[in-house]
Amino acid sequence: MLKILCSFLLMVVILGISMNKAEAHSSASISADEGFSSYNGWVMADMTINESGIVTPDASYSMRIYTAMGLVPVAYCASGGSHMGTYYTFFVNPQTGYLMVDRTGPASHGMVFSSPDLKAFSKTGHIVNVTDMSPQQELYRKAISVAKTEFDKYQSMIKK
């Protein structure tokens, strides 16, 4: 029994390591002057199966949201450590280039959208077009671009 338990735990650890190394998401870097914080960060969208054939929790959520509402979820990590970060989430319509600001809070990398700690903030519900001028216009433009890139990957994946 102990041997089976040890084998199972080893398999879980190996699977976890492989999930972190094989990433299929789209991302872009955000400099400190482009985002909501004074730290460098990144935006990412994930709607595809990674190289190991695994669908991450964020990818699964994103595929469900796109199927139900036609929107691509995008996460912006404003500051982060090796496992956690401060995230802001958005929803992007890949056909129109509109972005809606969602929530913010701490989350684990790779499991952003399932975090119970994401909460509404002062910009929640704001709708932004790719051409709108604002203090965070570069952040919004990059988030929209990443969403469109990931949406194209998703479209080619489902056509196979």
Protein backbone atom coordinates (compact mmCIF):
# COMPACT_ATOMS: atom_id res chain seq x y z
CA MET A 1 0.00 0.00 0.00
CA LEU A 2 2.83 2.38 0.87
CA LYS A 3 4.52 1.61 -2.46
CA ILE A 4 1.34 2.51 -4.37
CA LEU A 5 0.94 5.74 -2.41
CA CYS A 6 4.56 6.72 -3.08
CA SER A 7 4.16 5.96 -6.79
CA PHE A 8 1.01 8.07 -6.94
CA LEU A 9 2.69 11.02 -5.19
CA LEU A 10 5.68 10.79 -7.51
CA MET A 11 3.35 10.84 -10.51
CA VAL A 12 1.57 13.96 -9.16
CA VAL A 13 4.90 15.76 -8.65
CA ILE A 14 6.12 14.86 -12.15
CA LEU A 15 2.82 15.97 -13.66
CA GLY A 16 3.03 19.28 -11.78
CA ILE A 17 6.56 19.90 -13.01
CA SER A 18 5.62 19.10 -16.60
CA MET A 19 2.60 21.44 -16.43
CA ASN A 20 4.82 24.33 -15.40
CA LYS A 21 7.36 23.73 -18.16
CA ALA A 22 5.03 23.17 -21.11
CA GLU A 23 3.07 26.34 -21.66
CA ALA A 24 0.99 27.10 -24.70
CA HIS A 25 -0.50 30.42 -23.63
CA SER A 26 0.07 33.78 -25.30
CA SER A 27 1.69 36.56 -23.30
CA ALA A 28 3.29 39.99 -23.47
CA SER A 29 5.49 41.97 -21.07
CA ILE A 30 4.15 45.06 -19.32
CA SER A 31 6.58 47.70 -18.09
CA ALA A 32 5.98 49.47 -14.78
CA ASP A 33 4.72 52.67 -16.44
CA GLU A 34 2.12 50.81 -18.55
CA GLY A 35 0.14 48.98 -15.87
CA PHE A 36 -1.69 49.54 -12.61
CA SER A 37 1.36 49.06 -10.38
CA SER A 38 4.92 50.25 -10.12
CA TYR A 39 6.26 46.78 -11.02
CA ASN A 40 6.96 45.13 -14.34
CA GLY A 41 4.48 42.41 -15.17
CA TRP A 42 2.85 40.50 -18.00
CA VAL A 43 -0.51 39.82 -19.59
CA MET A 44 -1.51 36.33 -20.65
CA ALA A 45 -4.40 34.45 -22.17
CA ASP A 46 -4.67 30.66 -22.21
CA MET A 47 -7.21 28.78 -24.34
CA THR A 48 -5.17 25.90 -25.69
CA ILE A 49 -3.85 22.48 -24.77
CA ASN A 50 -0.17 22.64 -23.81
CA GLU A 51 2.60 20.58 -25.39
CA SER A 52 2.03 17.77 -22.88
CA GLY A 53 -1.61 17.44 -23.91
CA ILE A 54 -2.86 19.01 -20.68
CA VAL A 55 -5.59 21.64 -20.40
CA THR A 56 -4.74 23.99 -17.53
CA PRO A 57 -7.48 25.25 -15.18
CA ASP A 58 -7.19 28.72 -16.75
CA ALA A 59 -7.48 27.29 -20.27
CA SER A 60 -10.53 25.27 -19.31
CA TYR A 61 -12.19 28.35 -17.79
CA SER A 62 -11.28 30.44 -20.84
CA MET A 63 -12.73 27.91 -23.28
CA ARG A 64 -15.99 27.80 -21.29
CA ILE A 65 -16.25 31.61 -21.16
CA TYR A 66 -15.60 31.92 -24.89
CA THR A 67 -18.16 29.22 -25.72
CA ALA A 68 -20.80 30.80 -23.46
CA MET A 69 -20.17 34.51 -24.07
CA GLY A 70 -17.73 35.00 -26.95
CA LEU A 71 -15.15 36.63 -24.66
CA VAL A 72 -11.50 35.72 -24.05
CA PRO A 73 -10.34 36.08 -20.42
CA VAL A 74 -6.97 37.80 -20.00
CA ALA A 75 -4.91 38.00 -16.80
CA TYR A 76 -2.43 40.77 -15.98
CA CYS A 77 0.14 39.98 -13.30
CA ALA A 78 1.18 43.30 -11.78
CA SER A 79 3.68 41.77 -9.35
CA GLY A 80 4.52 38.25 -8.47
CA GLY A 81 6.71 35.73 -6.80
CA SER A 82 7.51 32.22 -7.89
CA HIS A 83 4.01 30.83 -7.17
CA MET A 84 1.66 33.76 -6.51
CA GLY A 85 1.03 37.19 -7.96
CA THR A 86 -1.25 40.19 -7.81
CA TYR A 87 -3.56 39.81 -10.80
CA TYR A 88 -6.06 41.94 -12.67
CA THR A 89 -8.46 40.17 -15.01
CA PHE A 90 -10.15 41.36 -18.18
CA PHE A 91 -12.55 40.00 -20.77
CA VAL A 92 -11.83 40.75 -24.44
CA ASN A 93 -14.07 40.39 -27.48
CA PRO A 94 -11.55 39.20 -30.10
CA GLN A 95 -13.72 40.29 -33.04
CA THR A 96 -14.38 43.88 -31.93
CA GLY A 97 -11.28 44.70 -29.89
CA TYR A 98 -13.28 45.75 -26.83
CA LEU A 99 -12.00 44.97 -23.35
CA MET A 100 -13.96 44.92 -20.09
CA VAL A 101 -12.07 45.32 -16.81
CA ASP A 102 -13.00 42.58 -14.32
CA ARG A 103 -11.44 41.92 -10.88
CA THR A 104 -8.15 42.04 -8.98
CA GLY A 105 -6.43 40.15 -6.18
CA PRO A 106 -3.81 37.54 -5.29
CA ALA A 107 -3.79 34.32 -7.27
CA SER A 108 -1.58 31.34 -8.05
CA HIS A 109 0.11 31.44 -11.43
CA GLY A 110 -1.80 29.12 -13.78
CA MET A 111 -4.97 29.16 -11.68
CA VAL A 112 -5.85 32.85 -11.80
CA PHE A 113 -9.51 32.70 -12.75
CA SER A 114 -10.42 30.15 -10.08
CA SER A 115 -8.98 32.29 -7.27
CA PRO A 116 -11.60 33.10 -4.61
CA ASP A 117 -9.55 36.18 -3.66
CA LEU A 118 -10.28 38.15 -6.85
CA LYS A 119 -12.52 41.10 -5.97
CA ALA A 120 -14.11 44.05 -7.78
CA PHE A 121 -12.18 47.34 -7.69
CA SER A 122 -12.68 50.94 -8.89
CA LYS A 123 -12.21 50.10 -12.59
CA THR A 124 -14.39 46.95 -12.60
CA GLY A 125 -16.92 47.14 -15.42
CA HIS A 126 -15.06 49.77 -17.46
CA ILE A 127 -15.29 49.08 -21.20
CA VAL A 128 -12.26 50.01 -23.31
CA ASN A 129 -11.75 50.02 -27.08
CA VAL A 130 -8.31 49.29 -28.52
CA THR A 131 -8.16 52.91 -29.79
CA ASP A 132 -9.22 54.58 -26.50
CA MET A 133 -6.77 56.91 -24.79
CA SER A 134 -6.19 56.31 -21.06
CA PRO A 135 -3.30 56.13 -18.58
CA GLN A 136 -3.22 52.34 -19.05
CA GLN A 137 -3.74 52.36 -22.83
CA GLU A 138 -0.63 50.26 -23.54
CA LEU A 139 -1.71 47.66 -20.98
CA TYR A 140 -5.16 47.48 -22.59
CA ARG A 141 -3.72 47.31 -26.13
CA LYS A 142 -1.37 44.49 -25.17
CA ALA A 143 -4.18 42.62 -23.38
CA ILE A 144 -6.38 42.91 -26.48
CA SER A 145 -3.51 41.80 -28.74
CA VAL A 146 -2.72 38.80 -26.53
CA ALA A 147 -6.40 37.82 -26.49
CA LYS A 148 -6.59 37.97 -30.28
CA THR A 149 -3.40 35.90 -30.65
CA GLU A 150 -4.67 33.26 -28.22
CA PHE A 151 -8.08 33.26 -29.91
CA ASP A 152 -6.37 32.53 -33.26
CA LYS A 153 -4.52 29.59 -31.65
CA TYR A 154 -7.82 28.33 -30.21
CA GLN A 155 -9.56 28.60 -33.59
CA SER A 156 -6.82 26.63 -35.33
CA MET A 157 -6.85 24.01 -32.55
CA ILE A 158 -10.59 23.36 -32.78
CA LYS A 159 -10.50 23.16 -36.60
CA LYS A 160 -8.13 20.16 -36.48
